Amino acid sequence: MPAITPDPYLEKLRQDLHIDTQLLGHSMQFSTTWGLFSPRGIDEGTLMLLEHLNVASDEVALDFGCGYGPLGLAIAKAAPQGSVQLIDKDFVAIDYANKNAAANKVNNAKAYLSNALMGVPTEPAFSLVVSNLPAKTGNELYTLAFNDAKQRMKPGGKIVVVTINGLRSYMKRSFTEIFGNYKKLKQGKTYTISAAEFSPD
């Protein structure tokens, strides 16, 4: 059998991509790969969301749909007395998120597989839930995730998400129905930042 000559282009595609950036005032580095969301740079929606977050030093947060981890790991870096759980249904994303946590010396964050919040422990209760919501996941999964998030939040806890503008009306309706309140933090040309606060009945 003849030897297979490596294709330089394919070998290059197999190599990790690398991003050097500043998030929430901290220099951070991320390894990514093709097939993950926004592998060549931190996407505009994530950057916009981080600009409108107030992160306490003891924040207990959840990053739903974490990808390779820029949102959740930036929050963990800014909350050294807190903790962050990062979840995704893609095992490749989880692998890279945990590698990026180690590379950035983020010891208060962990990524793991979960479909919506089905695998998320009931403790600790979250003071902050964040997500860069993908546009094509489907409203049914969002409904599950938002209701599950409500069950796992501290009184006064906030959920803050970024979506494309086409989901703006859905977010207003959904947050109002589930949390009883809704606030539009920012609307840009492409993305909207939506928030709600959990107040026990």
Protein backbone atom coordinates (compact mmCIF):
# COMPACT_ATOMS: atom_id res chain seq x y z
CA MET A 1 0.00 0.00 0.00
CA PRO A 2 1.55 3.34 -1.00
CA ALA A 3 2.35 5.86 1.73
CA ILE A 4 -0.16 8.68 2.11
CA THR A 5 1.42 12.07 1.59
CA PRO A 6 0.05 14.59 4.12
CA ASP A 7 -1.90 17.46 2.59
CA PRO A 8 -0.44 20.69 4.04
CA TYR A 9 -3.78 22.48 3.77
CA LEU A 10 -5.63 19.75 5.68
CA GLU A 11 -2.90 19.61 8.31
CA LYS A 12 -3.24 23.36 8.79
CA LEU A 13 -7.01 23.02 9.24
CA ARG A 14 -6.43 20.46 12.01
CA GLN A 15 -4.33 22.89 14.03
CA ASP A 16 -5.91 24.93 16.79
CA LEU A 17 -6.72 28.57 16.17
CA HIS A 18 -5.64 31.09 18.82
CA ILE A 19 -7.24 34.31 20.04
CA ASP A 20 -5.55 36.93 22.24
CA THR A 21 -7.99 39.45 23.65
CA GLN A 22 -9.05 41.66 26.56
CA LEU A 23 -12.29 40.72 28.32
CA LEU A 24 -13.66 42.53 31.38
CA GLY A 25 -10.27 44.17 31.85
CA HIS A 26 -8.23 40.96 31.74
CA SER A 27 -5.86 39.71 29.07
CA MET A 28 -7.05 36.28 27.97
CA GLN A 29 -6.05 33.67 25.42
CA PHE A 30 -8.36 31.14 23.78
CA SER A 31 -7.71 28.07 21.68
CA THR A 32 -10.49 27.21 19.23
CA THR A 33 -11.11 24.93 16.31
CA TRP A 34 -13.23 24.83 13.16
CA GLY A 35 -16.81 23.79 13.87
CA LEU A 36 -17.12 25.83 17.06
CA PHE A 37 -18.98 29.14 16.98
CA SER A 38 -16.83 32.12 15.95
CA PRO A 39 -13.47 30.28 15.96
CA ARG A 40 -11.38 33.13 14.54
CA GLY A 41 -12.31 35.82 17.05
CA ILE A 42 -14.65 36.72 19.91
CA ASP A 43 -17.97 37.48 18.24
CA GLU A 44 -19.68 40.85 18.37
CA GLY A 45 -22.62 39.58 20.44
CA THR A 46 -20.41 38.22 23.22
CA LEU A 47 -18.41 41.46 23.35
CA MET A 48 -21.61 43.49 23.48
CA LEU A 49 -22.99 41.36 26.29
CA LEU A 50 -19.81 41.67 28.35
CA GLU A 51 -19.94 45.46 27.96
CA HIS A 52 -23.33 45.51 29.68
CA LEU A 53 -22.59 43.15 32.57
CA ASN A 54 -21.89 44.19 36.14
CA VAL A 55 -19.96 41.28 37.62
CA ALA A 56 -19.55 41.11 41.41
CA SER A 57 -16.32 39.69 42.81
CA ASP A 58 -18.32 36.84 44.39
CA GLU A 59 -20.67 36.22 41.45
CA VAL A 60 -22.06 32.69 41.14
CA ALA A 61 -22.82 32.38 37.46
CA LEU A 62 -23.97 30.01 34.74
CA ASP A 63 -22.98 30.32 31.08
CA PHE A 64 -25.55 28.44 28.99
CA GLY A 65 -24.24 27.41 25.56
CA CYS A 66 -20.68 28.32 26.43
CA GLY A 67 -18.83 27.32 23.25
CA TYR A 68 -15.10 27.51 23.88
CA GLY A 69 -15.75 29.65 26.94
CA PRO A 70 -15.10 33.38 26.42
CA LEU A 71 -18.22 34.60 28.20
CA GLY A 72 -18.14 32.32 31.22
CA LEU A 73 -14.37 32.40 31.67
CA ALA A 74 -14.29 36.20 31.48
CA ILE A 75 -16.91 36.32 34.25
CA ALA A 76 -14.94 33.80 36.33
CA LYS A 77 -11.78 35.88 35.90
CA ALA A 78 -13.66 38.95 37.14
CA ALA A 79 -15.19 37.06 40.10
CA PRO A 80 -12.26 35.48 41.97
CA GLN A 81 -14.39 34.87 45.08
CA GLY A 82 -17.22 33.40 43.02
CA SER A 83 -17.68 30.47 40.66
CA VAL A 84 -18.94 29.82 37.15
CA GLN A 85 -20.46 26.74 35.58
CA LEU A 86 -20.26 26.56 31.79
CA ILE A 87 -22.53 24.19 29.88
CA ASP A 88 -22.92 23.16 26.28
CA LYS A 89 -24.31 20.16 24.42
CA ASP A 90 -21.21 19.92 22.20
CA PHE A 91 -18.42 17.79 23.71
CA VAL A 92 -15.81 19.56 21.55
CA ALA A 93 -16.88 22.92 23.00
CA ILE A 94 -16.62 21.53 26.52
CA ASP A 95 -13.14 20.18 25.85
CA TYR A 96 -11.93 23.55 24.60
CA ALA A 97 -13.68 25.51 27.36
CA ASN A 98 -11.91 23.44 30.02
CA LYS A 99 -8.57 23.73 28.21
CA ASN A 100 -9.05 27.50 28.01
CA ALA A 101 -9.90 27.67 31.71
CA ALA A 102 -6.59 25.96 32.50
CA ALA A 103 -4.64 28.11 30.04
CA ASN A 104 -6.00 31.29 31.63
CA LYS A 105 -5.46 30.00 35.19
CA VAL A 106 -9.18 30.20 35.91
CA ASN A 107 -9.66 27.81 38.82
CA ASN A 108 -13.21 28.79 39.73
CA ALA A 109 -14.91 27.61 36.54
CA LYS A 110 -15.81 24.24 35.07
CA ALA A 111 -17.44 23.26 31.79
CA TYR A 112 -19.55 20.16 31.31
CA LEU A 113 -22.11 18.62 29.00
CA SER A 114 -25.75 19.47 29.53
CA ASN A 115 -28.79 19.67 27.26
CA ALA A 116 -30.28 22.99 28.31
CA LEU A 117 -29.96 22.93 32.13
CA MET A 118 -30.91 19.29 32.55
CA GLY A 119 -27.49 18.34 33.93
CA VAL A 120 -27.01 21.42 36.12
CA PRO A 121 -26.95 20.78 39.89
CA THR A 122 -29.58 22.53 41.97
CA GLU A 123 -26.84 23.99 44.20
CA PRO A 124 -25.34 26.51 44.35
CA ALA A 125 -28.04 28.96 43.38
CA PHE A 126 -26.98 31.40 40.66
CA SER A 127 -26.79 35.16 41.03
CA LEU A 128 -26.22 35.53 37.29
CA VAL A 129 -27.20 33.47 34.23
CA VAL A 130 -25.81 34.49 30.85
CA SER A 131 -26.02 33.23 27.30
CA ASN A 132 -25.20 34.17 23.76
CA LEU A 133 -28.28 32.47 22.39
CA PRO A 134 -27.94 30.82 18.98
CA ALA A 135 -30.63 31.94 16.57
CA LYS A 136 -31.62 28.50 15.30
CA THR A 137 -31.80 26.41 18.48
CA GLY A 138 -35.58 26.74 18.77
CA ASN A 139 -37.98 28.43 21.15
CA GLU A 140 -38.86 25.16 22.88
CA LEU A 141 -35.33 24.69 24.21
CA TYR A 142 -35.17 28.33 25.24
CA THR A 143 -38.43 27.89 27.19
CA LEU A 144 -36.97 24.89 29.00
CA ALA A 145 -33.69 26.67 29.72
CA PHE A 146 -35.30 29.87 31.01
CA ASN A 147 -37.69 28.01 33.30
CA ASP A 148 -34.88 25.78 34.58
CA ALA A 149 -32.71 28.86 35.16
CA LYS A 150 -35.47 30.45 37.23
CA GLN A 151 -35.56 27.38 39.49
CA ARG A 152 -31.80 27.65 40.10
CA MET A 153 -31.47 31.40 40.70
CA LYS A 154 -31.07 33.32 43.94
CA PRO A 155 -33.71 35.93 44.78
CA GLY A 156 -32.57 39.06 42.99
CA GLY A 157 -30.50 37.03 40.55
CA LYS A 158 -30.37 38.21 36.95
CA ILE A 159 -30.50 36.51 33.58
CA VAL A 160 -28.83 38.46 30.77
CA VAL A 161 -28.71 37.21 27.19
CA VAL A 162 -27.70 38.47 23.78
CA THR A 163 -29.71 37.57 20.69
CA ILE A 164 -30.03 38.69 17.11
CA ASN A 165 -32.58 41.48 16.77
CA GLY A 166 -35.05 39.10 15.15
CA LEU A 167 -35.57 37.42 18.53
CA ARG A 168 -36.12 40.67 20.43
CA SER A 169 -39.92 40.42 20.63
CA TYR A 170 -39.75 36.76 21.61
CA MET A 171 -37.31 37.57 24.43
CA LYS A 172 -39.55 40.33 25.77
CA ARG A 173 -42.58 38.06 25.74
CA SER A 174 -40.72 35.05 27.16
CA PHE A 175 -38.97 36.88 30.01
CA THR A 176 -42.19 38.70 30.93
CA GLU A 177 -44.11 35.42 31.06
CA ILE A 178 -41.47 33.46 33.00
CA PHE A 179 -39.87 36.10 35.26
CA GLY A 180 -42.61 38.71 35.36
CA ASN A 181 -40.30 41.42 34.08
CA TYR A 182 -38.09 42.36 31.15
CA LYS A 183 -35.48 45.01 30.44
CA LYS A 184 -33.77 45.83 27.16
CA LEU A 185 -30.24 46.82 28.12
CA LYS A 186 -29.03 47.62 24.61
CA GLN A 187 -30.11 47.30 21.03
CA GLY A 188 -27.48 47.57 18.33
CA LYS A 189 -27.53 47.15 14.59
CA THR A 190 -27.50 43.34 14.82
CA TYR A 191 -27.90 42.30 18.46
CA THR A 192 -30.09 43.03 21.47
CA ILE A 193 -29.17 42.55 25.14
CA SER A 194 -32.20 41.36 27.16
CA ALA A 195 -32.40 40.93 30.93
CA ALA A 196 -34.79 39.85 33.66
CA GLU A 197 -34.59 39.55 37.44
CA PHE A 198 -35.80 36.67 39.56
CA SER A 199 -38.14 37.71 42.38
CA PRO A 200 -39.79 34.87 44.33
CA ASP A 201 -43.58 34.89 44.33
